[in-house]
PDB file of N, CA and C in Angstrom:
ATOM      1  N   ILE A   1      12.878 -32.728   2.907  1.00  0.00           N
ATOM      2  CA  ILE A   1      12.819 -32.406   4.326  1.00  0.00           C
ATOM      3  C   ILE A   1      12.536 -30.963   4.572  1.00  0.00           C
ATOM      4  N   ILE A   2      11.483 -30.508   5.216  1.00  0.00           N
ATOM      5  CA  ILE A   2      11.100 -29.304   5.496  1.00  0.00           C
ATOM      6  C   ILE A   2      11.718 -28.884   7.019  1.00  0.00           C
ATOM      7  N   THR A   3      12.539 -27.858   7.000  1.00  0.00           N
ATOM      8  CA  THR A   3      13.072 -27.408   8.324  1.00  0.00           C
ATOM      9  C   THR A   3      12.072 -26.243   8.824  1.00  0.00           C
ATOM     10  N   CYS A   4      12.558 -25.778  10.085  1.00  0.00           N
ATOM     11  CA  CYS A   4      11.692 -24.818  10.730  1.00  0.00           C
ATOM     12  C   CYS A   4      11.642 -23.466   9.837  1.00  0.00           C
ATOM     13  N   ASN A   5      12.689 -23.207   9.190  1.00  0.00           N
ATOM     14  CA  ASN A   5      12.723 -21.903   8.445  1.00  0.00           C
ATOM     15  C   ASN A   5      12.583 -21.994   6.964  1.00  0.00           C
ATOM     16  N   PHE A   6      12.210 -23.330   6.301  1.00  0.00           N
ATOM     17  CA  PHE A   6      12.108 -23.540   4.963  1.00  0.00           C
ATOM     18  C   PHE A   6      11.206 -22.574   4.185  1.00  0.00           C
ATOM     19  N   ILE A   7      10.003 -22.481   4.943  1.00  0.00           N
ATOM     20  CA  ILE A   7       8.802 -21.822   4.382  1.00  0.00           C
ATOM     21  C   ILE A   7       9.212 -20.401   4.314  1.00  0.00           C
ATOM     22  N   SER A   8       9.555 -19.782   5.481  1.00  0.00           N
ATOM     23  CA  SER A   8       9.788 -18.420   5.437  1.00  0.00           C
ATOM     24  C   SER A   8      10.914 -17.979   4.568  1.00  0.00           C
ATOM     25  N   ASN A   9      12.034 -18.874   4.667  1.00  0.00           N
ATOM     26  CA  ASN A   9      13.150 -18.551   3.614  1.00  0.00           C
ATOM     27  C   ASN A   9      12.664 -18.596   2.121  1.00  0.00           C
ATOM     28  N   LYS A  10      11.889 -19.397   1.908  1.00  0.00           N
ATOM     29  CA  LYS A  10      11.398 -19.475   0.507  1.00  0.00           C
ATOM     30  C   LYS A  10      10.535 -18.164   0.151  1.00  0.00           C
ATOM     31  N   ILE A  11       9.659 -17.741   1.056  1.00  0.00           N
ATOM     32  CA  ILE A  11       8.794 -16.534   0.873  1.00  0.00           C
ATOM     33  C   ILE A  11      10.032 -15.380   0.605  1.00  0.00           C
ATOM     34  N   LEU A  12      10.966 -15.229   1.532  1.00  0.00           N
ATOM     35  CA  LEU A  12      11.768 -14.246   1.391  1.00  0.00           C
ATOM     36  C   LEU A  12      12.555 -14.232   0.059  1.00  0.00           C
ATOM     37  N   GLN A  13      12.930 -15.358  -0.385  1.00  0.00           N
ATOM     38  CA  GLN A  13      13.658 -15.430  -1.628  1.00  0.00           C
ATOM     39  C   GLN A  13      12.802 -14.952  -2.805  1.00  0.00           C
ATOM     40  N   ASN A  14      11.546 -15.349  -2.684  1.00  0.00           N
ATOM     41  CA  ASN A  14      10.616 -14.809  -3.790  1.00  0.00           C
ATOM     42  C   ASN A  14      10.381 -13.275  -3.632  1.00  0.00           C
ATOM     43  N   GLN A  15      10.304 -12.794  -2.501  1.00  0.00           N
ATOM     44  CA  GLN A  15      10.003 -11.259  -2.163  1.00  0.00           C
ATOM     45  C   GLN A  15      11.191 -10.602  -2.776  1.00  0.00           C
ATOM     46  N   ASN A  16      12.408 -11.163  -2.654  1.00  0.00           N
ATOM     47  CA  ASN A  16      13.733 -10.405  -3.068  1.00  0.00           C
ATOM     48  C   ASN A  16      13.907 -10.366  -4.605  1.00  0.00           C
ATOM     49  N   LYS A  17      12.940 -11.177  -5.285  1.00  0.00           N
ATOM     50  CA  LYS A  17      12.934 -11.160  -6.871  1.00  0.00           C
ATOM     51  C   LYS A  17      11.769 -10.105  -7.282  1.00  0.00           C
ATOM     52  N   LYS A  18      11.078  -9.650  -6.529  1.00  0.00           N
ATOM     53  CA  LYS A  18       9.944  -8.796  -6.874  1.00  0.00           C
ATOM     54  C   LYS A  18      10.412  -7.396  -7.237  1.00  0.00           C
ATOM     55  N   ASN A  19       9.868  -6.777  -8.319  1.00  0.00           N
ATOM     56  CA  ASN A  19      10.028  -5.498  -8.698  1.00  0.00           C
ATOM     57  C   ASN A  19       9.034  -4.545  -7.886  1.00  0.00           C
ATOM     58  N   LEU A  20       9.614  -3.928  -6.787  1.00  0.00           N
ATOM     59  CA  LEU A  20       8.835  -3.054  -5.848  1.00  0.00           C
ATOM     60  C   LEU A  20       8.456  -1.806  -6.496  1.00  0.00           C
ATOM     61  N   PHE A  21       8.789  -1.396  -7.713  1.00  0.00           N
ATOM     62  CA  PHE A  21       8.732  -0.219  -8.217  1.00  0.00           C
ATOM     63  C   PHE A  21       7.772  -0.287  -9.548  1.00  0.00           C
ATOM     64  N   TYR A  22       7.286  -1.310  -9.784  1.00  0.00           N
ATOM     65  CA  TYR A  22       6.510  -1.619 -11.004  1.00  0.00           C
ATOM     66  C   TYR A  22       5.277  -0.625 -11.038  1.00  0.00           C
ATOM     67  N   GLN A  23       5.111   0.118 -12.092  1.00  0.00           N
ATOM     68  CA  GLN A  23       4.012   1.097 -12.097  1.00  0.00           C
ATOM     69  C   GLN A  23       3.001   0.620 -13.232  1.00  0.00           C
ATOM     70  N   ILE A  24       1.703   0.523 -12.723  1.00  0.00           N
ATOM     71  CA  ILE A  24       0.681  -0.025 -13.537  1.00  0.00           C
ATOM     72  C   ILE A  24       0.211   0.994 -14.393  1.00  0.00           C
ATOM     73  N   LYS A  25       0.181   0.879 -15.794  1.00  0.00           N
ATOM     74  CA  LYS A  25      -0.308   1.729 -16.689  1.00  0.00           C
ATOM     75  C   LYS A  25      -1.691   2.177 -16.445  1.00  0.00           C
ATOM     76  N   ASP A  26      -2.087   3.370 -16.457  1.00  0.00           N
ATOM     77  CA  ASP A  26      -3.444   3.980 -16.326  1.00  0.00           C
ATOM     78  C   ASP A  26      -4.134   3.495 -14.908  1.00  0.00           C
ATOM     79  N   PHE A  27      -3.086   3.566 -13.920  1.00  0.00           N
ATOM     80  CA  PHE A  27      -3.549   3.059 -12.658  1.00  0.00           C
ATOM     81  C   PHE A  27      -4.688   4.029 -12.041  1.00  0.00           C
ATOM     82  N   GLU A  28      -4.631   5.364 -12.371  1.00  0.00           N
ATOM     83  CA  GLU A  28      -5.730   6.131 -11.827  1.00  0.00           C
ATOM     84  C   GLU A  28      -7.106   5.702 -12.283  1.00  0.00           C
ATOM     85  N   ASN A  29      -7.363   5.127 -13.550  1.00  0.00           N
ATOM     86  CA  ASN A  29      -8.662   4.705 -14.000  1.00  0.00           C
ATOM     87  C   ASN A  29      -8.926   3.351 -13.120  1.00  0.00           C
ATOM     88  N   LEU A  30      -8.043   2.436 -12.926  1.00  0.00           N
ATOM     89  CA  LEU A  30      -8.149   1.309 -12.283  1.00  0.00           C
ATOM     90  C   LEU A  30      -8.601   1.747 -10.691  1.00  0.00           C
ATOM     91  N   ALA A  31      -7.867   2.734 -10.209  1.00  0.00           N
ATOM     92  CA  ALA A  31      -8.274   3.145  -8.729  1.00  0.00           C
ATOM     93  C   ALA A  31      -9.639   3.604  -8.652  1.00  0.00           C
ATOM     94  N   LYS A  32     -10.027   4.404  -9.715  1.00  0.00           N
ATOM     95  CA  LYS A  32     -11.339   4.873  -9.622  1.00  0.00           C
ATOM     96  C   LYS A  32     -12.553   3.690  -9.842  1.00  0.00           C
ATOM     97  N   LYS A  33     -12.204   2.864 -10.547  1.00  0.00           N
ATOM     98  CA  LYS A  33     -13.168   1.729 -10.766  1.00  0.00           C
ATOM     99  C   LYS A  33     -13.169   0.789  -9.404  1.00  0.00           C
ATOM    100  N   ARG A  34     -12.033   0.667  -8.678  1.00  0.00           N
ATOM    101  CA  ARG A  34     -12.089   0.017  -7.413  1.00  0.00           C
ATOM    102  C   ARG A  34     -12.721   0.689  -6.502  1.00  0.00           C
ATOM    103  N   TYR A  35     -12.485   2.041  -6.207  1.00  0.00           N
ATOM    104  CA  TYR A  35     -13.181   2.883  -5.441  1.00  0.00           C
ATOM    105  C   TYR A  35     -14.818   2.900  -5.541  1.00  0.00           C
ATOM    106  N   GLU A  36     -15.214   2.939  -6.687  1.00  0.00           N
ATOM    107  CA  GLU A  36     -16.711   2.684  -6.976  1.00  0.00           C
ATOM    108  C   GLU A  36     -17.152   1.405  -6.547  1.00  0.00           C
ATOM    109  N   ARG A  37     -16.401   0.300  -6.639  1.00  0.00           N
ATOM    110  CA  ARG A  37     -16.912  -0.974  -6.128  1.00  0.00           C
ATOM    111  C   ARG A  37     -17.259  -1.019  -4.529  1.00  0.00           C
ATOM    112  N   TYR A  38     -16.539  -0.231  -3.838  1.00  0.00           N
ATOM    113  CA  TYR A  38     -16.636  -0.077  -2.292  1.00  0.00           C
ATOM    114  C   TYR A  38     -17.857   0.462  -1.844  1.00  0.00           C
ATOM    115  N   GLU A  39     -18.489   1.307  -2.909  1.00  0.00           N
ATOM    116  CA  GLU A  39     -19.816   1.974  -2.561  1.00  0.00           C
ATOM    117  C   GLU A  39     -19.649   2.851  -1.288  1.00  0.00           C
ATOM    118  N   ASN A  40     -18.367   3.489  -1.285  1.00  0.00           N
ATOM    119  CA  ASN A  40     -18.160   4.492  -0.108  1.00  0.00           C
ATOM    120  C   ASN A  40     -17.998   5.807  -0.631  1.00  0.00           C
ATOM    121  N   LEU A  41     -18.752   6.313  -1.576  1.00  0.00           N
ATOM    122  CA  LEU A  41     -18.687   7.447  -2.283  1.00  0.00           C
ATOM    123  C   LEU A  41     -18.557   8.728  -1.278  1.00  0.00           C
ATOM    124  N   GLY A  42     -17.433   9.425  -1.327  1.00  0.00           N
ATOM    125  CA  GLY A  42     -17.253  10.468  -0.417  1.00  0.00           C
ATOM    126  C   GLY A  42     -16.328  10.218   0.792  1.00  0.00           C
ATOM    127  N   PHE A  43     -16.096   8.837   1.060  1.00  0.00           N
ATOM    128  CA  PHE A  43     -15.336   8.503   2.083  1.00  0.00           C
ATOM    129  C   PHE A  43     -14.010   7.922   1.660  1.00  0.00           C
ATOM    130  N   TRP A  44     -12.925   8.014   2.442  1.00  0.00           N
ATOM    131  CA  TRP A  44     -11.631   7.363   2.014  1.00  0.00           C
ATOM    132  C   TRP A  44     -11.541   5.808   1.862  1.00  0.00           C
ATOM    133  N   VAL A  45     -10.909   5.387   0.886  1.00  0.00           N
ATOM    134  CA  VAL A  45     -10.640   3.972   0.678  1.00  0.00           C
ATOM    135  C   VAL A  45      -9.130   3.880   0.609  1.00  0.00           C
ATOM    136  N   CYS A  46      -8.609   3.035   1.346  1.00  0.00           N
ATOM    137  CA  CYS A  46      -7.073   2.855   1.433  1.00  0.00           C
ATOM    138  C   CYS A  46      -6.709   1.393   1.291  1.00  0.00           C
ATOM    139  N   GLU A  47      -6.046   1.211   0.124  1.00  0.00           N
ATOM    140  CA  GLU A  47      -5.517  -0.217  -0.282  1.00  0.00           C
ATOM    141  C   GLU A  47      -4.052  -0.345  -0.248  1.00  0.00           C
ATOM    142  N   GLY A  48      -3.571  -1.497  -0.342  1.00  0.00           N
ATOM    143  CA  GLY A  48      -2.137  -1.698  -0.163  1.00  0.00           C
ATOM    144  C   GLY A  48      -1.798  -2.724  -1.422  1.00  0.00           C
ATOM    145  N   HIS A  49      -2.713  -3.480  -1.829  1.00  0.00           N
ATOM    146  CA  HIS A  49      -2.394  -4.595  -2.814  1.00  0.00           C
ATOM    147  C   HIS A  49      -1.381  -4.254  -3.773  1.00  0.00           C
ATOM    148  N   TYR A  50      -1.762  -3.148  -4.669  1.00  0.00           N
ATOM    149  CA  TYR A  50      -0.937  -2.843  -5.855  1.00  0.00           C
ATOM    150  C   TYR A  50       0.313  -2.083  -5.552  1.00  0.00           C
ATOM    151  N   HIS A  51       0.489  -1.451  -4.389  1.00  0.00           N
ATOM    152  CA  HIS A  51       1.680  -0.749  -3.985  1.00  0.00           C
ATOM    153  C   HIS A  51       2.031   0.217  -5.050  1.00  0.00           C
ATOM    154  N   GLN A  52       1.265   1.136  -5.422  1.00  0.00           N
ATOM    155  CA  GLN A  52       1.628   2.056  -6.375  1.00  0.00           C
ATOM    156  C   GLN A  52       1.854   3.558  -5.735  1.00  0.00           C
ATOM    157  N   ASN A  53       1.558   3.623  -4.555  1.00  0.00           N
ATOM    158  CA  ASN A  53       1.962   4.971  -3.835  1.00  0.00           C
ATOM    159  C   ASN A  53       1.232   6.087  -4.642  1.00  0.00           C
ATOM    160  N   HIS A  54      -0.239   5.801  -4.791  1.00  0.00           N
ATOM    161  CA  HIS A  54      -1.032   6.860  -5.616  1.00  0.00           C
ATOM    162  C   HIS A  54      -2.178   7.253  -4.749  1.00  0.00           C
ATOM    163  N   GLN A  55      -2.365   8.574  -4.806  1.00  0.00           N
ATOM    164  CA  GLN A  55      -3.493   9.216  -4.062  1.00  0.00           C
ATOM    165  C   GLN A  55      -4.371  10.127  -5.003  1.00  0.00           C
ATOM    166  N   ILE A  56      -5.647   9.817  -4.751  1.00  0.00           N
ATOM    167  CA  ILE A  56      -6.848  10.655  -5.412  1.00  0.00           C
ATOM    168  C   ILE A  56      -7.503  11.376  -4.408  1.00  0.00           C
ATOM    169  N   ASN A  57      -7.563  12.587  -4.258  1.00  0.00           N
ATOM    170  CA  ASN A  57      -8.344  13.471  -3.281  1.00  0.00           C
ATOM    171  C   ASN A  57      -9.327  14.467  -3.944  1.00  0.00           C
ATOM    172  N   LYS A  58     -10.337  14.080  -4.529  1.00  0.00           N
ATOM    173  CA  LYS A  58     -11.110  14.866  -5.223  1.00  0.00           C
ATOM    174  C   LYS A  58     -12.558  15.027  -4.368  1.00  0.00           C
ATOM    175  N   GLU A  59     -13.429  15.772  -4.864  1.00  0.00           N
ATOM    176  CA  GLU A  59     -14.673  15.833  -4.075  1.00  0.00           C
ATOM    177  C   GLU A  59     -15.465  14.421  -4.118  1.00  0.00           C
ATOM    178  N   ASN A  60     -15.508  13.749  -5.272  1.00  0.00           N
ATOM    179  CA  ASN A  60     -16.339  12.608  -5.390  1.00  0.00           C
ATOM    180  C   ASN A  60     -15.431  11.348  -5.194  1.00  0.00           C
ATOM    181  N   ILE A  61     -14.223  11.407  -5.184  1.00  0.00           N
ATOM    182  CA  ILE A  61     -13.317  10.164  -4.925  1.00  0.00           C
ATOM    183  C   ILE A  61     -12.255  10.458  -3.985  1.00  0.00           C
ATOM    184  N   LYS A  62     -11.947   9.689  -2.989  1.00  0.00           N
ATOM    185  CA  LYS A  62     -10.909   9.812  -1.953  1.00  0.00           C
ATOM    186  C   LYS A  62     -10.241   8.369  -1.879  1.00  0.00           C
ATOM    187  N   TYR A  63      -9.207   8.230  -2.608  1.00  0.00           N
ATOM    188  CA  TYR A  63      -8.566   6.997  -2.586  1.00  0.00           C
ATOM    189  C   TYR A  63      -7.008   7.050  -2.335  1.00  0.00           C
ATOM    190  N   LEU A  64      -6.520   6.102  -1.547  1.00  0.00           N
ATOM    191  CA  LEU A  64      -5.130   6.125  -1.431  1.00  0.00           C
ATOM    192  C   LEU A  64      -4.580   4.655  -1.586  1.00  0.00           C
ATOM    193  N   ASN A  65      -3.591   4.390  -2.389  1.00  0.00           N
ATOM    194  CA  ASN A  65      -3.024   3.209  -2.500  1.00  0.00           C
ATOM    195  C   ASN A  65      -1.516   3.295  -2.023  1.00  0.00           C
ATOM    196  N   LEU A  66      -1.299   2.468  -1.024  1.00  0.00           N
ATOM    197  CA  LEU A  66       0.081   2.434  -0.299  1.00  0.00           C
ATOM    198  C   LEU A  66       1.159   2.205  -1.190  1.00  0.00           C
ATOM    199  N   ALA A  67       2.422   2.618  -0.838  1.00  0.00           N
ATOM    200  CA  ALA A  67       3.622   2.222  -1.483  1.00  0.00           C
ATOM    201  C   ALA A  67       3.984   0.844  -0.730  1.00  0.00           C
ATOM    202  N   SER A  68       5.080   0.343  -1.374  1.00  0.00           N
ATOM    203  CA  SER A  68       5.483  -1.065  -0.728  1.00  0.00           C
ATOM    204  C   SER A  68       6.266  -0.664   0.519  1.00  0.00           C
ATOM    205  N   PHE A  69       5.975  -1.213   1.725  1.00  0.00           N
ATOM    206  CA  PHE A  69       6.698  -0.878   2.963  1.00  0.00           C
ATOM    207  C   PHE A  69       7.838  -1.705   2.965  1.00  0.00           C
ATOM    208  N   ALA A  70       8.020  -2.746   2.214  1.00  0.00           N
ATOM    209  CA  ALA A  70       9.144  -3.717   2.248  1.00  0.00           C
ATOM    210  C   ALA A  70      10.456  -2.921   1.915  1.00  0.00           C
ATOM    211  N   TYR A  71      10.440  -2.115   0.868  1.00  0.00           N
ATOM    212  CA  TYR A  71      11.534  -1.323   0.381  1.00  0.00           C
ATOM    213  C   TYR A  71      12.055  -0.206   1.498  1.00  0.00           C
ATOM    214  N   GLU A  72      11.111   0.512   1.873  1.00  0.00           N
ATOM    215  CA  GLU A  72      11.420   1.682   2.892  1.00  0.00           C
ATOM    216  C   GLU A  72      11.430   1.333   4.297  1.00  0.00           C
ATOM    217  N   ARG A  73      10.894   0.067   4.586  1.00  0.00           N
ATOM    218  CA  ARG A  73      10.855  -0.261   6.044  1.00  0.00           C
ATOM    219  C   ARG A  73       9.984   0.821   6.619  1.00  0.00           C
ATOM    220  N   SER A  74       8.819   1.048   6.182  1.00  0.00           N
ATOM    221  CA  SER A  74       8.024   2.152   6.822  1.00  0.00           C
ATOM    222  C   SER A  74       6.504   1.596   7.095  1.00  0.00           C
ATOM    223  N   PHE A  75       5.854   2.568   7.703  1.00  0.00           N
ATOM    224  CA  PHE A  75       4.327   2.191   7.805  1.00  0.00           C
ATOM    225  C   PHE A  75       3.602   3.609   7.884  1.00  0.00           C
ATOM    226  N   PHE A  76       2.422   3.623   7.800  1.00  0.00           N
ATOM    227  CA  PHE A  76       1.569   4.867   7.859  1.00  0.00           C
ATOM    228  C   PHE A  76       0.804   4.995   9.137  1.00  0.00           C
ATOM    229  N   VAL A  77       0.742   6.137   9.545  1.00  0.00           N
ATOM    230  CA  VAL A  77      -0.122   6.651  10.794  1.00  0.00           C
ATOM    231  C   VAL A  77      -1.224   7.357  10.198  1.00  0.00           C
ATOM    232  N   VAL A  78      -2.580   6.904  10.534  1.00  0.00           N
ATOM    233  CA  VAL A  78      -3.755   7.593  10.019  1.00  0.00           C
ATOM    234  C   VAL A  78      -4.349   8.415  11.074  1.00  0.00           C
ATOM    235  N   GLU A  79      -4.437   9.775  10.993  1.00  0.00           N
ATOM    236  CA  GLU A  79      -4.895  10.467  12.046  1.00  0.00           C
ATOM    237  C   GLU A  79      -6.214  11.140  11.569  1.00  0.00           C
ATOM    238  N   TYR A  80      -7.141  11.343  12.393  1.00  0.00           N
ATOM    239  CA  TYR A  80      -8.468  12.070  11.922  1.00  0.00           C
ATOM    240  C   TYR A  80      -8.557  13.355  12.785  1.00  0.00           C
ATOM    241  N   GLN A  81      -8.504  14.637  12.233  1.00  0.00           N
ATOM    242  CA  GLN A  81      -8.588  15.756  12.875  1.00  0.00           C
ATOM    243  C   GLN A  81      -9.417  16.554  11.911  1.00  0.00           C
ATOM    244  N   GLN A  82     -10.760  16.529  11.771  1.00  0.00           N
ATOM    245  CA  GLN A  82     -11.557  17.251  10.873  1.00  0.00           C
ATOM    246  C   GLN A  82     -11.397  16.664   9.515  1.00  0.00           C
ATOM    247  N   GLU A  83     -10.308  16.146   9.124  1.00  0.00           N
ATOM    248  CA  GLU A  83     -10.010  15.546   7.873  1.00  0.00           C
ATOM    249  C   GLU A  83      -9.046  14.354   8.165  1.00  0.00           C
ATOM    250  N   ILE A  84      -9.101  13.487   7.305  1.00  0.00           N
ATOM    251  CA  ILE A  84      -7.964  12.255   7.532  1.00  0.00           C
ATOM    252  C   ILE A  84      -6.691  12.802   6.850  1.00  0.00           C
ATOM    253  N   LYS A  85      -5.539  12.433   7.662  1.00  0.00           N
ATOM    254  CA  LYS A  85      -4.364  12.593   7.304  1.00  0.00           C
ATOM    255  C   LYS A  85      -3.500  11.314   7.155  1.00  0.00           C
ATOM    256  N   PHE A  86      -2.801  11.081   6.208  1.00  0.00           N
ATOM    257  CA  PHE A  86      -1.770   9.932   6.146  1.00  0.00           C
ATOM    258  C   PHE A  86      -0.296  10.521   6.387  1.00  0.00           C
ATOM    259  N   ARG A  87       0.305   9.943   7.242  1.00  0.00           N
ATOM    260  CA  ARG A  87       1.617  10.341   7.638  1.00  0.00           C
ATOM    261  C   ARG A  87       2.498   9.156   7.523  1.00  0.00           C
ATOM    262  N   GLU A  88       3.505   9.056   6.749  1.00  0.00           N
ATOM    263  CA  GLU A  88       4.371   8.028   6.638  1.00  0.00           C
ATOM    264  C   GLU A  88       5.335   7.886   7.748  1.00  0.00           C
ATOM    265  N   GLN A  89       5.732   6.824   8.206  1.00  0.00           N
ATOM    266  CA  GLN A  89       6.685   6.659   9.383  1.00  0.00           C
ATOM    267  C   GLN A  89       7.794   5.684   8.985  1.00  0.00           C
ATOM    268  N   LYS A  90       9.072   6.044   9.117  1.00  0.00           N
ATOM    269  CA  LYS A  90      10.225   5.314   8.705  1.00  0.00           C
ATOM    270  C   LYS A  90      10.544   4.464   9.934  1.00  0.00           C
ATOM    271  N   LEU A  91      10.964   3.103   9.787  1.00  0.00           N
ATOM    272  CA  LEU A  91      11.539   2.316  10.838  1.00  0.00           C
ATOM    273  C   LEU A  91      12.916   2.510  10.947  1.00  0.00           C
ATOM    274  N   ARG A  92      13.392   2.915  12.106  1.00  0.00           N
ATOM    275  CA  ARG A  92      14.816   3.183  12.310  1.00  0.00           C
ATOM    276  C   ARG A  92      15.486   1.898  13.130  1.00  0.00           C
ATOM    277  N   GLY A  93      16.316   1.237  12.561  1.00  0.00           N
ATOM    278  CA  GLY A  93      17.115   0.322  13.296  1.00  0.00           C
ATOM    279  C   GLY A  93      16.251  -1.017  13.705  1.00  0.00           C
ATOM    280  N   GLN A  94      15.221  -1.204  12.926  1.00  0.00           N
ATOM    281  CA  GLN A  94      14.307  -2.242  13.146  1.00  0.00           C
ATOM    282  C   GLN A  94      14.582  -3.344  12.158  1.00  0.00           C
ATOM    283  N   ASN A  95      14.720  -4.495  12.486  1.00  0.00           N
ATOM    284  CA  ASN A  95      14.938  -5.680  11.467  1.00  0.00           C
ATOM    285  C   ASN A  95      13.599  -6.185  11.324  1.00  0.00           C
ATOM    286  N   VAL A  96      12.900  -5.623  10.319  1.00  0.00           N
ATOM    287  CA  VAL A  96      11.466  -6.061  10.072  1.00  0.00           C
ATOM    288  C   VAL A  96      11.293  -6.972   8.940  1.00  0.00           C
TER     289      VAL A  96
END
């Protein structure tokens, strides 16, 4: 029998088992390859799938891989003022 909360509770159980701090070996090389596939040379690419909290800001590659928001209960604000700035925001008292 599937109850109203069965699916969301199952997802939450699986999320609680995840290692949110797993570091991928040689991630910078993987990031460079992913960046090239976007064909956005010189522009920022921002991804969250791998949750490595890694940034490359060089003349020929601008790549940001976001951290896991689940652990810190946070999000990013992206501002553009002559250059792009990423600013992490923490959630306070929010049940997210």
